[in-house]
Amino acid sequence: MKKQASPDVFGIADLRDWSESAGRQSIRFGIVGHPVEHSLSPVMHNAALRESGIKMNYVAFKVQSAELEEAINLFRANGFLGFNVTLPHKVAAAEFMDELDADARQIGAINTVTVRNQKTLGSNTDGIGFARAIRDDFSVDLRDLRILLIGAGGAANGIAYQCARENCERLVVANRTESSAEELTNKLQHFFAGPRVLGPVARLQAIGLNEMRAQIANTDLIVNATPLGWGPSDAAILPAHILEPHLMIYDTTYGSERTPLLRAASAMGARGANGLSMLLHQGARAFEIWHGREAPLVAMRAALVNR
């Protein structure tokens, strides 16, 4: 039987009384989100801490948007050394940082925070985690791919930036609100300063969700960077009948081994993978930032597989 993630989820009230609570002295890392109960980051990071002989712990914090700034201030005050940020806070949290690293400044979203001397430094490891995951799951590099990215939120920003930085052949960003997709692609124009077309299509493009079907023939990799797929009753963001066997499908959600999109991909003979590999690799990079040493990737992977 697989082990379940720790049921311990803390909130803003816990952070307010943190210094006076017994038994929490070892908790120096965590993940902030809403919802956050599903997160496997505590399983992965606690395994990494144990394997590395670091006598600290990592837990989850359920924090609403209106509580985010206060929570970050309390992490500073309560002696935390770092924390991760997940949906829906990746963009908003960047605004509350004392400093952003170079990548986070360009991306405009963060998923990793380092706390030193009560100062916060925001970083984004989503992009490098995504690139390593695609290499693991499909044995291909981003530079060789024509990519259709669905979503324009915090995770999508990191993924799009990495695709552009690695000079992917083509990047199309699709979003329900097309203006948000346009805002994201506008930030990436300088990466595509060479020829702006690839055969009959543009190398960088923003579209609405209803335009995705027309992109399939000029796409190698489809990435779902939206929360659609978490819920058991969610429909696939792309119906099976428009998918083709040549496609690679990556769903950044990992609540289920077979999300609706991945089931649709399988039905059409396309290769697919879920976001567990991205979680692993972005978490490993966060570990390296916090601890200044190589992450114990084998232990982290085993913890996710055997959860």
Protein backbone atom coordinates (compact mmCIF):
# COMPACT_ATOMS: atom_id res chain seq x y z
CA MET A 1 0.00 0.00 0.00
CA LYS A 2 1.30 3.45 -0.87
CA LYS A 3 1.97 5.86 1.96
CA GLN A 4 -0.05 9.06 2.00
CA ALA A 5 1.37 12.57 2.34
CA SER A 6 1.51 13.99 5.86
CA PRO A 7 -1.91 15.22 7.03
CA ASP A 8 -0.28 18.19 8.78
CA VAL A 9 -1.38 21.35 7.00
CA PHE A 10 -0.91 24.65 8.80
CA GLY A 11 -2.59 28.02 8.28
CA ILE A 12 -2.11 31.71 8.96
CA ALA A 13 -3.30 31.33 12.58
CA ASP A 14 -0.51 28.79 13.19
CA LEU A 15 2.09 31.15 11.76
CA ARG A 16 0.89 33.95 14.02
CA ASP A 17 1.52 31.80 17.12
CA TRP A 18 4.50 29.89 15.70
CA SER A 19 7.23 30.98 18.09
CA GLU A 20 5.19 29.94 21.12
CA SER A 21 4.21 26.52 19.80
CA ALA A 22 6.12 23.52 21.11
CA GLY A 23 7.57 20.92 18.78
CA ARG A 24 7.89 23.15 15.72
CA GLN A 25 11.49 24.25 16.14
CA SER A 26 12.71 21.86 13.45
CA ILE A 27 10.24 23.12 10.82
CA ARG A 28 12.26 25.53 8.72
CA PHE A 29 10.83 24.95 5.23
CA GLY A 30 7.38 24.67 3.67
CA ILE A 31 5.07 25.17 0.74
CA VAL A 32 2.42 27.89 0.50
CA GLY A 33 -0.71 27.51 -1.62
CA HIS A 34 -4.49 27.28 -1.72
CA PRO A 35 -5.39 24.47 -2.03
CA VAL A 36 -2.26 22.73 -0.79
CA GLU A 37 -3.48 19.51 0.81
CA HIS A 38 -2.68 17.56 -2.36
CA SER A 39 0.96 18.69 -2.48
CA LEU A 40 3.67 16.05 -2.49
CA SER A 41 6.40 18.61 -1.84
CA PRO A 42 6.57 17.72 1.90
CA VAL A 43 7.03 14.02 1.05
CA MET A 44 9.82 14.82 -1.40
CA HIS A 45 11.65 17.48 0.59
CA ASN A 46 11.51 15.62 3.90
CA ALA A 47 13.07 12.62 2.16
CA ALA A 48 15.80 14.88 0.81
CA LEU A 49 16.46 16.37 4.24
CA ARG A 50 16.70 12.93 5.87
CA GLU A 51 18.98 11.58 3.14
CA SER A 52 21.26 14.60 3.53
CA GLY A 53 21.41 14.36 7.33
CA ILE A 54 19.78 17.77 7.77
CA LYS A 55 17.72 17.75 10.96
CA MET A 56 14.94 20.02 9.72
CA ASN A 57 11.43 19.50 8.44
CA TYR A 58 9.20 20.78 5.63
CA VAL A 59 5.41 21.19 5.90
CA ALA A 60 2.43 22.62 3.98
CA PHE A 61 0.72 25.95 4.64
CA LYS A 62 -2.79 26.67 3.35
CA VAL A 63 -2.81 30.42 2.82
CA GLN A 64 -5.46 32.47 1.05
CA SER A 65 -4.56 35.31 -1.31
CA ALA A 66 -5.56 37.99 1.22
CA GLU A 67 -3.21 36.37 3.78
CA LEU A 68 -0.17 35.99 1.53
CA GLU A 69 1.76 39.15 2.43
CA GLU A 70 1.26 38.54 6.15
CA ALA A 71 2.34 34.91 5.77
CA ILE A 72 5.58 35.93 4.04
CA ASN A 73 6.31 38.43 6.80
CA LEU A 74 5.69 35.71 9.39
CA PHE A 75 8.05 33.29 7.65
CA ARG A 76 10.71 35.97 8.01
CA ALA A 77 9.92 36.63 11.67
CA ASN A 78 9.67 32.97 12.67
CA GLY A 79 13.12 31.91 11.48
CA PHE A 80 12.20 29.96 8.35
CA LEU A 81 15.02 29.37 5.89
CA GLY A 82 12.93 28.91 2.76
CA PHE A 83 9.60 27.99 1.28
CA ASN A 84 8.00 27.09 -2.02
CA VAL A 85 5.05 28.89 -3.57
CA THR A 86 2.34 27.15 -5.59
CA LEU A 87 -1.05 28.04 -7.07
CA PRO A 88 -2.48 30.61 -6.96
CA HIS A 89 0.32 32.71 -5.46
CA LYS A 90 3.28 32.49 -7.85
CA VAL A 91 2.78 35.89 -9.46
CA ALA A 92 1.51 37.74 -6.38
CA ALA A 93 4.32 36.46 -4.13
CA ALA A 94 6.93 38.06 -6.40
CA GLU A 95 5.57 41.48 -5.43
CA PHE A 96 6.28 40.85 -1.74
CA MET A 97 9.93 39.82 -2.11
CA ASP A 98 12.84 41.95 -0.89
CA GLU A 99 14.75 40.80 -3.95
CA LEU A 100 14.25 38.69 -7.08
CA ASP A 101 16.98 36.79 -8.91
CA ALA A 102 17.57 37.56 -12.58
CA ASP A 103 15.32 34.81 -13.93
CA ALA A 104 12.45 35.62 -11.56
CA ARG A 105 12.59 39.28 -12.55
CA GLN A 106 12.14 38.37 -16.21
CA ILE A 107 9.50 35.72 -15.56
CA GLY A 108 7.46 37.81 -13.14
CA ALA A 109 6.57 34.80 -10.99
CA ILE A 110 8.33 32.77 -8.29
CA ASN A 111 8.05 29.31 -6.81
CA THR A 112 11.04 29.28 -4.43
CA VAL A 113 11.91 31.72 -1.64
CA THR A 114 15.15 31.83 0.33
CA VAL A 115 15.11 33.63 3.70
CA ARG A 116 18.40 34.97 5.04
CA ASN A 117 18.72 37.57 7.80
CA GLN A 118 14.94 38.08 7.57
CA LYS A 119 15.27 39.10 3.91
CA THR A 120 13.50 37.19 1.13
CA LEU A 121 14.95 36.29 -2.26
CA GLY A 122 12.49 34.99 -4.86
CA SER A 123 13.56 32.47 -7.52
CA ASN A 124 11.78 30.42 -10.15
CA THR A 125 12.82 26.80 -10.64
CA ASP A 126 9.77 25.81 -12.71
CA GLY A 127 11.55 26.35 -16.01
CA ILE A 128 14.63 24.26 -15.31
CA GLY A 129 12.43 21.64 -13.67
CA PHE A 130 10.27 21.48 -16.79
CA ALA A 131 13.24 21.21 -19.15
CA ARG A 132 14.75 18.36 -17.14
CA ALA A 133 11.37 16.61 -16.94
CA ILE A 134 10.88 16.71 -20.72
CA ARG A 135 14.38 15.31 -21.20
CA ASP A 136 13.63 12.52 -18.69
CA ASP A 137 10.20 11.62 -20.01
CA PHE A 138 10.67 12.00 -23.77
CA SER A 139 14.49 11.97 -24.31
CA VAL A 140 14.40 15.25 -26.21
CA ASP A 141 15.52 18.83 -25.57
CA LEU A 142 13.29 21.88 -25.74
CA ARG A 143 15.38 23.44 -28.52
CA ASP A 144 14.22 20.69 -30.89
CA LEU A 145 10.50 21.12 -30.28
CA ARG A 146 7.48 23.02 -31.56
CA ILE A 147 5.52 23.65 -28.36
CA LEU A 148 1.87 24.47 -27.66
CA LEU A 149 1.64 25.76 -24.07
CA ILE A 150 -1.84 25.94 -22.55
CA GLY A 151 -2.09 28.55 -19.81
CA ALA A 152 -0.54 31.92 -19.00
CA GLY A 153 -0.33 31.87 -15.20
CA GLY A 154 2.61 31.52 -12.83
CA ALA A 155 3.76 28.04 -13.88
CA ALA A 156 3.22 28.83 -17.56
CA ASN A 157 5.42 31.92 -17.26
CA GLY A 158 8.36 29.87 -16.00
CA ILE A 159 7.84 27.18 -18.65
CA ALA A 160 7.50 29.69 -21.50
CA TYR A 161 10.62 31.54 -20.41
CA GLN A 162 12.63 28.31 -20.38
CA CYS A 163 11.32 27.26 -23.81
CA ALA A 164 12.31 30.64 -25.23
CA ARG A 165 15.69 30.72 -23.52
CA GLU A 166 16.54 27.28 -24.90
CA ASN A 167 15.57 28.50 -28.38
CA CYS A 168 12.71 26.11 -29.03
CA GLU A 169 11.70 25.85 -32.67
CA ARG A 170 8.25 27.29 -32.04
CA LEU A 171 6.19 28.45 -29.06
CA VAL A 172 2.43 29.04 -29.10
CA VAL A 173 0.73 30.16 -25.88
CA ALA A 174 -3.00 29.43 -25.66
CA ASN A 175 -5.15 30.86 -22.91
CA ARG A 176 -8.82 31.42 -22.15
CA THR A 177 -8.06 35.14 -21.87
CA GLU A 178 -6.07 35.75 -25.04
CA SER A 179 -4.75 39.10 -23.79
CA SER A 180 -2.90 37.26 -21.00
CA ALA A 181 -1.28 34.99 -23.59
CA GLU A 182 -0.29 38.07 -25.60
CA GLU A 183 1.21 39.71 -22.52
CA LEU A 184 3.35 36.62 -21.94
CA THR A 185 4.55 36.29 -25.54
CA ASN A 186 5.35 40.01 -25.68
CA LYS A 187 7.85 39.49 -22.85
CA LEU A 188 9.58 36.79 -24.90
CA GLN A 189 9.91 38.59 -28.22
CA HIS A 190 13.63 39.27 -27.76
CA PHE A 191 14.35 35.53 -27.68
CA PHE A 192 12.85 35.17 -31.15
CA ALA A 193 14.75 37.99 -32.79
CA GLY A 194 15.75 35.89 -35.82
CA PRO A 195 13.35 34.62 -38.49
CA ARG A 196 9.81 35.09 -37.21
CA VAL A 197 8.25 32.31 -39.25
CA LEU A 198 8.81 28.57 -39.43
CA GLY A 199 7.50 27.46 -42.78
CA PRO A 200 3.90 28.71 -42.95
CA VAL A 201 3.55 29.61 -39.24
CA ALA A 202 4.90 32.16 -36.77
CA ARG A 203 7.60 30.98 -34.33
CA LEU A 204 5.99 32.86 -31.42
CA GLN A 205 2.23 33.28 -31.17
CA ALA A 206 -0.58 33.94 -28.69
CA ILE A 207 -4.01 32.40 -29.29
CA GLY A 208 -7.32 31.68 -27.59
CA LEU A 209 -8.29 28.18 -26.51
CA ASN A 210 -10.71 27.86 -29.41
CA GLU A 211 -7.81 28.18 -31.88
CA MET A 212 -5.76 25.23 -30.60
CA ARG A 213 -7.07 22.66 -33.05
CA ALA A 214 -5.48 24.52 -35.97
CA GLN A 215 -2.06 24.29 -34.29
CA ILE A 216 -1.82 20.49 -33.96
CA ALA A 217 -0.15 19.86 -37.32
CA ASN A 218 2.67 22.27 -36.44
CA THR A 219 3.18 21.04 -32.86
CA ASP A 220 5.41 18.37 -31.31
CA LEU A 221 4.73 18.91 -27.61
CA ILE A 222 1.51 20.03 -25.90
CA VAL A 223 1.85 21.25 -22.31
CA ASN A 224 -1.10 21.79 -19.97
CA ALA A 225 -0.01 24.41 -17.43
CA THR A 226 -3.51 25.06 -16.08
CA PRO A 227 -5.15 23.46 -13.01
CA LEU A 228 -7.64 21.65 -15.27
CA GLY A 229 -7.20 17.96 -14.60
CA TRP A 230 -6.92 18.05 -10.82
CA GLY A 231 -10.57 17.20 -10.31
CA PRO A 232 -11.80 13.65 -11.04
CA SER A 233 -14.74 15.06 -13.02
CA ASP A 234 -12.66 17.50 -15.08
CA ALA A 235 -12.90 17.16 -18.84
CA ALA A 236 -9.77 17.03 -20.98
CA ILE A 237 -8.69 20.52 -22.01
CA LEU A 238 -8.25 19.07 -25.51
CA PRO A 239 -10.62 16.37 -26.80
CA ALA A 240 -9.07 13.09 -27.88
CA HIS A 241 -10.28 13.28 -31.48
CA ILE A 242 -8.08 16.28 -32.35
CA LEU A 243 -4.89 14.71 -30.95
CA GLU A 244 -2.50 12.79 -33.18
CA PRO A 245 -0.06 9.92 -32.53
CA HIS A 246 3.04 12.03 -33.29
CA LEU A 247 2.37 14.31 -30.30
CA MET A 248 4.01 14.33 -26.90
CA ILE A 249 1.62 15.43 -24.15
CA TYR A 250 2.83 16.81 -20.81
CA ASP A 251 0.31 17.63 -18.08
CA THR A 252 1.87 19.63 -15.23
CA THR A 253 -0.81 18.40 -12.82
CA TYR A 254 0.07 15.26 -10.89
CA GLY A 255 -2.92 14.51 -8.70
CA SER A 256 -3.68 11.53 -10.90
CA GLU A 257 -1.34 9.34 -12.91
CA ARG A 258 -3.81 9.56 -15.77
CA THR A 259 -5.36 13.01 -16.02
CA PRO A 260 -8.19 13.54 -18.52
CA LEU A 261 -5.70 14.98 -21.02
CA LEU A 262 -3.36 12.03 -20.65
CA ARG A 263 -6.23 9.58 -21.07
CA ALA A 264 -7.16 11.39 -24.27
CA ALA A 265 -3.55 11.19 -25.46
CA SER A 266 -3.38 7.47 -24.73
CA ALA A 267 -6.61 6.87 -26.63
CA MET A 268 -5.04 8.41 -29.74
CA GLY A 269 -1.67 6.66 -29.40
CA ALA A 270 0.24 9.77 -28.32
CA ARG A 271 2.97 9.65 -25.68
CA GLY A 272 2.16 11.36 -22.38
CA ALA A 273 3.59 12.15 -18.94
CA ASN A 274 2.28 13.92 -15.86
CA GLY A 275 3.83 16.63 -13.70
CA LEU A 276 5.50 14.39 -11.15
CA SER A 277 8.82 14.63 -13.00
CA MET A 278 8.63 18.43 -13.08
CA LEU A 279 7.83 18.48 -9.36
CA LEU A 280 10.91 16.35 -8.75
CA HIS A 281 13.31 18.48 -10.77
CA GLN A 282 12.06 21.90 -9.69
CA GLY A 283 12.20 20.66 -6.11
CA ALA A 284 15.74 19.41 -6.56
CA ARG A 285 16.80 22.82 -7.84
CA ALA A 286 15.12 24.50 -4.86
CA PHE A 287 17.01 22.15 -2.52
CA GLU A 288 20.29 23.14 -4.20
CA ILE A 289 19.48 26.84 -3.79
CA TRP A 290 18.65 26.46 -0.10
CA HIS A 291 21.42 24.10 0.96
CA GLY A 292 24.26 24.81 -1.45
CA ARG A 293 24.74 21.13 -2.28
CA GLU A 294 23.58 18.62 -4.85
CA ALA A 295 20.06 17.34 -4.25
CA PRO A 296 19.66 13.62 -3.40
CA LEU A 297 17.62 12.99 -6.53
CA VAL A 298 17.37 9.21 -6.08
CA ALA A 299 15.87 9.55 -2.58
CA MET A 300 13.51 12.29 -3.72
CA ARG A 301 12.30 10.27 -6.68
CA ALA A 302 11.79 7.18 -4.52
CA ALA A 303 9.74 9.15 -2.02
CA LEU A 304 7.39 10.36 -4.78
CA VAL A 305 7.06 6.93 -6.38
CA ASN A 306 6.46 5.11 -3.07
CA ARG A 307 4.24 7.73 -1.42
